[in-house]
Amino acid sequence: MARDPLRATGAFVVAVMALPAISRTASPARRDRQFPTKCGRNSESIAALERAELRPASGFTSSLPQELSGGQRQRVVIAGALALEPEFLVADEPVASLDASVRGEILALLLRLKNELGLGALVITHDLGLAWNIADRVLVMYRGSIVESGTVEQVLLDPQDAYTKTLLAAVPQLR
């Protein structure tokens, strides 16, 4: 979800909630729900920011993207997704370019949301450590084709495909 650099955080989340194309593809419960008034969308925006652990959320609603840290910007995008009450999230490199402590916080947030809200998720990553920590199942792709799939343990502890073995061999080892 791209952010407009001139749109404040609260306005971004409100705008996402009002997207008709997304509402048409939402679950039947979400699609049939009445959209709140602008005032209601503002309170839902604040609630979504709170669920994404931006606290106090009201302190972030007027912030522009360049005024936020990388972790805070990631939480705003997560809040935008949560405002739509999804059943499934797609996260493409959700912790890329974040420092180690913030990576851990965002991963913990995604896992908490998955468990509390019963969300399904597809996490796209090049980071095998991330896959190990967050995934139930792993698909390895090479040149646009799936070359291996299975549980995290099957794929990462006992790889069968040569490309998967090469990826795992490239992971730095602690000595």
Protein backbone atom coordinates (compact mmCIF):
# COMPACT_ATOMS: atom_id res chain seq x y z
CA MET A 1 0.00 0.00 0.00
CA ALA A 2 1.71 3.19 -1.14
CA ARG A 3 1.60 6.33 0.95
CA ASP A 4 1.10 9.82 -0.43
CA PRO A 5 3.95 11.87 1.09
CA LEU A 6 1.59 14.85 1.49
CA ARG A 7 -1.25 12.95 3.19
CA ALA A 8 -1.33 12.80 6.97
CA THR A 9 -1.44 9.42 8.68
CA GLY A 10 -5.07 9.67 9.83
CA ALA A 11 -6.22 10.86 6.41
CA PHE A 12 -4.38 7.92 4.79
CA VAL A 13 -6.23 5.36 6.92
CA VAL A 14 -9.58 7.12 6.35
CA ALA A 15 -8.95 7.17 2.58
CA VAL A 16 -8.18 3.44 2.57
CA MET A 17 -11.47 2.71 4.34
CA ALA A 18 -13.37 4.61 1.66
CA LEU A 19 -11.86 2.79 -1.34
CA PRO A 20 -14.80 1.27 -3.23
CA ALA A 21 -12.68 -1.21 -5.23
CA ILE A 22 -11.41 -2.77 -2.04
CA SER A 23 -14.84 -2.85 -0.45
CA ARG A 24 -16.22 -4.79 -3.44
CA THR A 25 -13.62 -7.52 -2.94
CA ALA A 26 -14.05 -7.69 0.82
CA SER A 27 -15.66 -10.54 2.68
CA PRO A 28 -19.48 -10.61 2.62
CA ALA A 29 -19.61 -9.36 6.22
CA ARG A 30 -17.36 -6.40 5.39
CA ARG A 31 -19.05 -5.70 2.04
CA ASP A 32 -22.54 -5.62 3.57
CA ARG A 33 -21.47 -3.41 6.46
CA GLN A 34 -22.52 0.22 6.33
CA PHE A 35 -19.58 2.56 5.85
CA PRO A 36 -19.33 4.98 8.73
CA THR A 37 -19.69 8.71 8.31
CA LYS A 38 -16.51 10.74 8.00
CA CYS A 39 -16.55 11.25 11.78
CA GLY A 40 -16.98 7.50 12.25
CA ARG A 41 -14.14 6.79 9.82
CA ASN A 42 -11.91 9.08 11.89
CA SER A 43 -12.63 7.09 15.05
CA GLU A 44 -12.12 3.82 13.15
CA SER A 45 -8.85 5.22 11.83
CA ILE A 46 -7.68 5.90 15.37
CA ALA A 47 -8.76 2.41 16.45
CA ALA A 48 -6.79 0.86 13.57
CA LEU A 49 -3.69 2.88 14.49
CA GLU A 50 -4.07 1.64 18.09
CA ARG A 51 -4.33 -2.00 16.90
CA ALA A 52 -1.13 -1.44 14.92
CA GLU A 53 0.49 -0.30 18.20
CA LEU A 54 0.92 3.38 17.33
CA ARG A 55 0.18 4.93 20.71
CA PRO A 56 -1.28 7.30 21.44
CA ALA A 57 -2.89 7.02 18.02
CA SER A 58 -4.36 10.51 18.15
CA GLY A 59 -0.79 11.83 18.33
CA PHE A 60 0.01 10.31 14.94
CA THR A 61 -3.05 11.27 12.89
CA SER A 62 -1.59 14.55 11.62
CA SER A 63 1.93 13.16 11.02
CA LEU A 64 3.30 13.05 7.48
CA PRO A 65 5.29 9.99 6.35
CA GLN A 66 8.63 11.82 6.49
CA GLU A 67 7.98 12.67 10.14
CA LEU A 68 7.76 8.99 11.12
CA SER A 69 10.42 6.36 11.66
CA GLY A 70 10.55 3.30 9.41
CA GLY A 71 8.80 1.16 12.02
CA GLN A 72 6.08 3.76 12.53
CA ARG A 73 5.52 4.00 8.76
CA GLN A 74 5.20 0.21 8.59
CA ARG A 75 2.63 0.30 11.41
CA VAL A 76 0.61 2.97 9.53
CA VAL A 77 0.40 0.70 6.48
CA ILE A 78 -0.62 -2.20 8.75
CA ALA A 79 -3.28 0.07 10.29
CA GLY A 80 -4.58 0.88 6.81
CA ALA A 81 -4.95 -2.82 6.11
CA LEU A 82 -6.59 -3.46 9.50
CA ALA A 83 -9.12 -0.68 8.90
CA LEU A 84 -10.56 -2.85 6.12
CA GLU A 85 -11.18 -5.71 8.57
CA PRO A 86 -9.46 -8.24 6.32
CA GLU A 87 -9.56 -11.98 6.62
CA PHE A 88 -6.22 -12.29 4.81
CA LEU A 89 -3.11 -10.09 4.56
CA VAL A 90 -0.41 -10.05 1.90
CA ALA A 91 2.85 -8.62 3.21
CA ASP A 92 5.68 -8.12 0.72
CA GLU A 93 9.00 -7.83 2.58
CA PRO A 94 7.28 -6.44 5.70
CA VAL A 95 10.49 -5.91 7.67
CA ALA A 96 12.99 -5.12 4.89
CA SER A 97 15.28 -2.20 5.76
CA LEU A 98 14.18 -2.04 9.40
CA ASP A 99 16.73 -2.37 12.18
CA ALA A 100 16.82 -5.56 14.23
CA SER A 101 14.81 -4.34 17.23
CA VAL A 102 12.07 -2.82 15.06
CA ARG A 103 12.00 -5.98 12.90
CA GLY A 104 11.26 -7.97 16.04
CA GLU A 105 8.48 -5.57 17.07
CA ILE A 106 6.80 -5.69 13.63
CA LEU A 107 7.07 -9.50 13.50
CA ALA A 108 5.56 -9.75 16.98
CA LEU A 109 2.75 -7.41 15.89
CA LEU A 110 2.00 -9.46 12.77
CA LEU A 111 1.97 -12.70 14.77
CA ARG A 112 -0.27 -11.15 17.45
CA LEU A 113 -2.71 -9.87 14.82
CA LYS A 114 -2.70 -13.25 13.08
CA ASN A 115 -3.59 -14.99 16.34
CA GLU A 116 -6.02 -12.43 17.80
CA LEU A 117 -7.90 -11.68 14.60
CA GLY A 118 -7.60 -15.10 12.99
CA LEU A 119 -5.97 -13.59 9.93
CA GLY A 120 -4.50 -15.65 7.16
CA ALA A 121 -1.31 -14.22 5.71
CA LEU A 122 1.02 -14.54 2.77
CA VAL A 123 4.46 -13.13 3.58
CA ILE A 124 6.76 -12.63 0.62
CA THR A 125 10.41 -12.50 1.63
CA HIS A 126 13.97 -13.28 0.65
CA ASP A 127 14.84 -13.60 4.33
CA LEU A 128 14.91 -17.26 5.32
CA GLY A 129 15.26 -16.29 8.99
CA LEU A 130 11.99 -14.39 8.73
CA ALA A 131 10.36 -17.38 7.05
CA TRP A 132 11.60 -19.62 9.86
CA ASN A 133 10.17 -17.31 12.53
CA ILE A 134 6.80 -16.39 11.05
CA ALA A 135 5.68 -19.05 8.58
CA ASP A 136 3.80 -22.30 8.93
CA ARG A 137 4.53 -23.28 5.33
CA VAL A 138 7.20 -22.20 2.87
CA LEU A 139 7.21 -22.03 -0.92
CA VAL A 140 10.55 -21.53 -2.66
CA MET A 141 10.37 -19.94 -6.09
CA TYR A 142 13.00 -19.85 -8.82
CA ARG A 143 12.44 -17.83 -11.98
CA GLY A 144 8.72 -17.52 -11.29
CA SER A 145 8.08 -21.22 -10.62
CA ILE A 146 7.61 -23.04 -7.33
CA VAL A 147 10.50 -25.46 -6.91
CA GLU A 148 9.79 -26.62 -3.36
CA SER A 149 7.02 -26.38 -0.79
CA GLY A 150 6.23 -27.80 2.59
CA THR A 151 6.28 -27.02 6.27
CA VAL A 152 9.01 -24.71 7.48
CA GLU A 153 10.83 -27.67 9.00
CA GLN A 154 10.59 -29.78 5.83
CA VAL A 155 11.86 -27.09 3.50
CA LEU A 156 14.46 -25.39 5.67
CA LEU A 157 15.84 -28.38 7.58
CA ASP A 158 15.65 -31.00 4.83
CA PRO A 159 15.62 -29.20 1.46
CA GLN A 160 15.17 -31.38 -1.61
CA ASP A 161 15.65 -28.88 -4.42
CA ALA A 162 19.12 -27.72 -5.48
CA TYR A 163 18.06 -24.05 -5.51
CA THR A 164 16.71 -24.29 -1.94
CA LYS A 165 20.00 -25.87 -0.86
CA THR A 166 21.91 -23.02 -2.53
CA LEU A 167 19.77 -20.42 -0.73
CA LEU A 168 20.34 -22.09 2.61
CA ALA A 169 24.09 -22.37 1.97
CA ALA A 170 24.20 -18.59 1.47
CA VAL A 171 22.78 -17.87 4.95
CA PRO A 172 25.57 -16.58 7.23
CA GLN A 173 26.50 -19.02 9.98
CA LEU A 174 27.43 -18.03 13.54
CA ARG A 175 30.69 -19.61 14.60
